[in-house]
Amino acid sequence: MKKIFGLLAIVALSLAAKPAVAHHALQAEFDTAKRGEFTGTLTKFAMINPHVRWFFDEKKADGSVVKWEITGA
C-alpha cells in the first residue's frame, strides 16, 4: 500500500509541476524571430512577483495612444 501511495504522490506532483514549467515557454506566446520597435513614455513600473512589468504609452501620428505592457523575468 505504501508503494502505491508513493507512486501516486510522485505522479500527482509531476503533473502539478507541468503548468509552472510550461508558462515560461516564451516561444509558445511570442514569435521570438520577429523584432519590434516603438517610442513611448514610461507610465508605470511594477515589480509583481515573480516578474517585473513596464507600462508605456505610445503616441501615434494621428494623436491616438497605444498602451504597451512589457514583462521581464
Protein backbone atom coordinates (compact mmCIF):
# COMPACT_ATOMS: atom_id res chain seq x y z
CA MET A 1 0.00 0.00 0.00
CA LYS A 2 2.87 2.38 0.80
CA LYS A 3 4.39 1.75 -2.64
CA ILE A 4 1.12 2.59 -4.39
CA PHE A 5 0.66 5.75 -2.30
CA GLY A 6 4.25 6.81 -3.00
CA LEU A 7 3.86 6.20 -6.72
CA LEU A 8 0.58 8.14 -6.83
CA ALA A 9 2.18 11.01 -4.91
CA ILE A 10 5.07 11.17 -7.39
CA VAL A 11 2.70 11.14 -10.37
CA ALA A 12 0.47 13.81 -8.81
CA LEU A 13 3.41 16.10 -8.02
CA SER A 14 4.84 15.63 -11.51
CA LEU A 15 1.54 16.59 -13.12
CA ALA A 16 1.10 19.58 -10.81
CA ALA A 17 4.54 20.94 -11.76
CA LYS A 18 3.87 20.90 -15.53
CA PRO A 19 1.96 24.24 -15.73
CA ALA A 20 4.66 26.03 -13.74
CA VAL A 21 7.30 24.96 -16.25
CA ALA A 22 5.12 25.44 -19.32
CA HIS A 23 4.21 29.08 -18.66
CA HIS A 24 7.85 30.08 -19.12
CA ALA A 25 7.91 28.85 -22.73
CA LEU A 26 8.46 32.18 -24.50
CA GLN A 27 8.05 30.61 -27.94
CA ALA A 28 4.53 29.49 -27.03
CA GLU A 29 3.33 33.08 -26.66
CA PHE A 30 5.54 35.15 -28.94
CA ASP A 31 7.30 34.98 -32.28
CA THR A 32 10.86 35.38 -30.98
CA ALA A 33 12.25 35.78 -34.52
CA LYS A 34 10.16 38.93 -35.09
CA ARG A 35 11.55 42.13 -33.60
CA GLY A 36 9.57 45.27 -32.94
CA GLU A 37 10.31 48.85 -32.04
CA PHE A 38 8.28 51.72 -30.66
CA THR A 39 8.86 55.08 -28.99
CA GLY A 40 6.79 55.83 -25.94
CA THR A 41 6.58 57.23 -22.44
CA LEU A 42 7.09 55.00 -19.41
CA THR A 43 3.90 55.42 -17.36
CA LYS A 44 4.33 52.75 -14.69
CA PHE A 45 6.92 50.31 -13.40
CA ALA A 46 5.79 47.36 -11.27
CA MET A 47 7.73 44.60 -9.55
CA ILE A 48 4.98 41.99 -9.33
CA ASN A 49 6.14 38.60 -8.13
CA PRO A 50 7.57 36.74 -10.00
CA HIS A 51 8.05 39.20 -12.89
CA VAL A 52 8.75 42.86 -13.48
CA ARG A 53 6.45 44.90 -15.74
CA TRP A 54 6.92 48.14 -17.64
CA PHE A 55 3.88 50.08 -18.93
CA PHE A 56 4.25 52.52 -21.82
CA ASP A 57 2.03 54.90 -23.79
CA GLU A 58 2.93 55.25 -27.46
CA LYS A 59 1.52 58.36 -29.13
CA LYS A 60 0.72 57.79 -32.81
CA ALA A 61 0.91 60.46 -35.53
CA ASP A 62 -2.90 60.81 -35.55
CA GLY A 63 -2.90 61.60 -31.80
CA SER A 64 -4.19 58.23 -30.65
CA VAL A 65 -2.43 56.44 -27.80
CA VAL A 66 -1.46 52.78 -27.83
CA LYS A 67 -0.77 51.19 -24.45
CA TRP A 68 2.06 48.64 -24.16
CA GLU A 69 2.95 46.28 -21.33
CA ILE A 70 6.35 44.58 -21.33
CA THR A 71 7.05 41.74 -18.92
CA GLY A 72 10.55 40.77 -17.84
CA ALA A 73 11.98 37.93 -15.83
